[in-house]
N, C-alpha and C. Protein backbone atom coordinates (compact mmCIF):
# COMPACT_ATOMS: atom_id res chain seq x y z
N MET A 1 99.51 84.57 102.50
CA MET A 1 99.32 83.71 101.60
C MET A 1 99.65 82.48 102.42
N TRP A 2 101.20 82.37 103.08
CA TRP A 2 101.57 81.36 104.13
C TRP A 2 100.84 81.04 104.60
N ASP A 3 100.01 81.14 105.65
CA ASP A 3 99.26 81.29 106.99
C ASP A 3 97.81 80.25 106.02
N GLU A 4 97.43 80.16 104.65
CA GLU A 4 96.40 79.76 103.38
C GLU A 4 96.81 78.41 103.63
N PRO A 5 95.54 77.08 103.23
CA PRO A 5 95.78 75.99 103.18
C PRO A 5 96.42 76.21 101.79
N TYR A 6 97.09 75.14 101.54
CA TYR A 6 97.73 74.73 100.28
C TYR A 6 97.05 73.79 99.50
N LEU A 7 96.96 74.63 97.65
CA LEU A 7 95.79 73.81 97.05
C LEU A 7 96.52 73.45 96.01
N GLU A 8 96.48 71.76 96.38
CA GLU A 8 96.85 70.59 94.90
C GLU A 8 96.63 71.06 94.07
N THR A 9 97.80 71.28 92.96
CA THR A 9 97.37 71.25 91.64
C THR A 9 96.30 71.05 90.79
N CYS A 10 95.51 69.94 91.10
CA CYS A 10 94.14 69.88 90.88
C CYS A 10 93.02 70.71 91.04
N CYS A 11 93.74 70.69 92.50
CA CYS A 11 92.56 71.86 93.57
C CYS A 11 92.57 73.23 92.27
N ARG A 12 93.93 73.40 92.10
CA ARG A 12 93.95 74.90 91.57
C ARG A 12 93.55 75.27 90.19
N SER A 13 93.39 73.72 89.20
CA SER A 13 92.40 73.62 87.97
C SER A 13 91.08 73.35 87.91
N THR A 14 90.84 73.41 89.32
CA THR A 14 88.82 72.97 89.67
C THR A 14 88.71 74.49 89.68
N LEU A 15 89.65 75.42 90.58
CA LEU A 15 89.18 77.11 90.55
C LEU A 15 88.96 77.11 89.30
N HIS A 16 89.81 77.40 88.81
CA HIS A 16 89.88 77.93 87.41
C HIS A 16 89.05 77.63 86.75
N ARG A 17 88.36 76.59 86.20
CA ARG A 17 87.07 76.20 86.07
C ARG A 17 86.27 76.69 86.05
N LEU A 18 86.11 76.72 87.61
CA LEU A 18 84.60 76.90 88.55
C LEU A 18 84.78 79.25 87.47
N LEU A 19 85.66 79.41 87.80
CA LEU A 19 85.74 81.25 87.71
C LEU A 19 85.52 81.16 85.90
N LEU A 20 85.91 80.00 84.97
CA LEU A 20 85.67 79.98 83.74
C LEU A 20 84.23 79.71 83.53
N CYS A 21 83.80 78.98 84.25
CA CYS A 21 81.71 78.84 84.15
C CYS A 21 81.03 79.41 84.10
N GLU A 22 81.89 80.69 84.97
CA GLU A 22 80.64 81.93 85.75
C GLU A 22 79.15 81.66 86.32
N ASP A 23 78.20 82.30 85.11
CA ASP A 23 76.84 81.49 86.72
C ASP A 23 76.62 80.55 86.14
N ALA A 24 76.98 79.29 84.67
CA ALA A 24 76.57 78.12 84.81
C ALA A 24 76.79 77.82 86.31
N GLY A 25 78.20 77.49 86.72
CA GLY A 25 78.28 76.55 87.71
C GLY A 25 78.94 75.34 87.15
N ARG A 26 79.06 74.41 87.89
CA ARG A 26 79.97 73.28 87.66
C ARG A 26 79.06 72.09 88.28
N PRO A 27 78.60 71.39 87.56
CA PRO A 27 77.69 70.25 88.30
C PRO A 27 77.96 69.07 88.83
N SER A 28 77.70 68.52 89.81
CA SER A 28 78.44 67.49 90.57
C SER A 28 78.27 66.04 89.72
N GLY A 29 79.43 65.26 90.58
CA GLY A 29 79.42 64.07 89.27
C GLY A 29 80.33 63.96 88.58
N LEU A 30 81.05 64.84 88.31
CA LEU A 30 82.21 65.10 87.34
C LEU A 30 83.60 64.70 87.88
N ARG A 31 84.43 64.28 87.55
CA ARG A 31 85.40 63.94 87.62
C ARG A 31 86.22 64.60 88.68
N ASP A 32 86.19 66.56 89.00
CA ASP A 32 86.69 66.88 90.05
C ASP A 32 86.04 67.00 91.12
N GLN A 33 85.14 66.33 91.54
CA GLN A 33 84.00 66.19 92.38
C GLN A 33 85.12 65.76 93.72
N PRO A 34 85.51 65.54 93.66
CA PRO A 34 86.24 65.32 95.50
C PRO A 34 86.86 67.23 95.83
N CYS A 35 87.56 67.73 94.23
CA CYS A 35 88.35 69.01 94.69
C CYS A 35 87.14 69.95 94.81
N LEU A 36 86.26 69.47 93.72
CA LEU A 36 85.06 70.82 94.52
C LEU A 36 84.54 70.89 95.86
N GLU A 37 84.66 69.82 96.49
CA GLU A 37 84.31 69.19 98.03
C GLU A 37 84.83 70.07 98.99
N ARG A 38 86.70 70.00 98.70
CA ARG A 38 87.24 69.98 99.13
C ARG A 38 87.09 72.09 98.76
N LEU A 39 87.61 72.93 97.61
CA LEU A 39 87.12 74.32 97.82
C LEU A 39 86.00 74.31 98.53
N GLU A 40 84.65 73.73 98.01
CA GLU A 40 83.64 74.37 99.77
C GLU A 40 83.86 73.86 100.90
N ARG A 41 85.00 72.91 101.62
CA ARG A 41 84.87 73.51 103.02
C ARG A 41 85.48 74.46 103.19
N MET A 42 86.60 74.65 102.15
CA MET A 42 87.73 76.00 101.88
C MET A 42 86.84 77.31 102.22
N GLY A 43 85.27 76.99 101.22
CA GLY A 43 84.78 78.31 101.41
C GLY A 43 84.92 79.43 100.18
N LEU A 44 86.10 78.30 98.90
CA LEU A 44 86.08 79.02 97.76
C LEU A 44 84.91 78.89 97.08
N CYS A 45 83.96 77.73 96.91
CA CYS A 45 83.07 78.00 96.39
C CYS A 45 82.13 77.03 96.79
N ALA A 46 80.99 77.45 96.27
CA ALA A 46 79.92 76.95 97.12
C ALA A 46 78.90 76.04 95.79
N LEU A 47 78.04 75.38 97.07
CA LEU A 47 76.82 74.06 96.37
C LEU A 47 75.81 74.78 96.55
N ARG A 48 74.94 75.19 94.59
CA ARG A 48 73.49 75.79 94.79
C ARG A 48 72.60 75.57 94.75
N SER A 49 71.09 75.70 95.06
CA SER A 49 70.27 75.19 95.20
C SER A 49 70.04 73.82 94.37
N ASP A 50 70.75 74.39 92.92
CA ASP A 50 70.48 73.37 91.82
C ASP A 50 71.12 72.73 91.59
N GLY A 51 72.24 72.23 92.55
CA GLY A 51 72.96 70.80 92.02
C GLY A 51 74.07 70.92 91.69
N ARG A 52 74.84 72.85 91.45
CA ARG A 52 76.14 73.35 90.72
C ARG A 52 76.42 73.88 91.70
N PHE A 53 77.93 73.98 91.72
CA PHE A 53 78.74 74.24 92.15
C PHE A 53 79.16 75.80 91.85
N ALA A 54 79.55 76.93 92.33
CA ALA A 54 79.83 78.42 92.01
C ALA A 54 81.17 78.66 92.09
N ILE A 55 81.58 79.74 91.80
CA ILE A 55 82.59 80.34 92.88
C ILE A 55 82.23 81.36 93.88
N THR A 56 82.91 81.52 94.68
CA THR A 56 82.44 82.25 95.80
C THR A 56 83.93 83.74 95.66
N ASP A 57 83.30 84.82 96.54
CA ASP A 57 83.91 86.18 96.55
C ASP A 57 85.73 85.45 96.71
N ALA A 58 85.91 84.68 97.87
CA ALA A 58 86.66 84.09 98.68
C ALA A 58 87.46 83.70 97.02
N GLY A 59 86.83 82.83 96.47
CA GLY A 59 87.88 81.95 95.87
C GLY A 59 87.72 82.68 94.37
N LEU A 60 87.34 83.97 94.43
CA LEU A 60 87.71 84.62 93.37
C LEU A 60 88.96 85.33 93.74
N GLY A 61 89.02 86.05 95.06
CA GLY A 61 90.24 86.70 95.54
C GLY A 61 91.51 85.76 95.83
N ARG A 62 91.29 83.73 95.38
CA ARG A 62 92.46 83.18 95.93
C ARG A 62 92.90 82.92 94.21
N HIS A 63 92.16 83.23 93.62
CA HIS A 63 92.29 82.60 92.28
C HIS A 63 92.74 83.87 92.04
N ARG A 64 92.57 85.59 92.05
CA ARG A 64 93.27 86.35 91.16
C ARG A 64 95.07 86.05 92.01
N GLN A 65 95.07 85.74 93.53
CA GLN A 65 96.26 85.02 94.48
C GLN A 65 97.14 84.30 93.44
N GLU A 66 96.56 82.99 93.14
CA GLU A 66 97.45 81.93 93.03
C GLU A 66 97.61 81.58 91.55
N ILE A 67 96.83 82.22 90.31
CA ILE A 67 96.31 81.61 89.00
C ILE A 67 96.88 83.01 88.36
N GLY A 68 96.11 84.29 88.88
CA GLY A 68 96.35 85.29 88.29
C GLY A 68 95.13 85.96 88.12
N PRO A 69 94.90 87.06 87.43
CA PRO A 69 93.84 88.00 86.96
C PRO A 69 93.07 87.09 85.44
N ILE A 70 91.73 87.24 85.61
CA ILE A 70 91.39 87.36 83.93
C ILE A 70 90.92 88.46 83.82
N ASP A 71 91.03 89.14 82.16
CA ASP A 71 90.83 89.84 81.76
C ASP A 71 90.00 90.14 80.61
């Protein structure tokens, strides 16, 4: 954990919203667009062909580590 890039509070919130969106993903153009782009650069989410962002397996792991598991 200590050798991973720090996630700002806004980016952690965006990561959690990505998890909650499940297969629907998050569309571009929302207020959290900069965070979505940062998470994409970090490999924690991916931009799909339909223009929506979806959480990756790495993002799920980082969510479990920093935010906690969803039961």
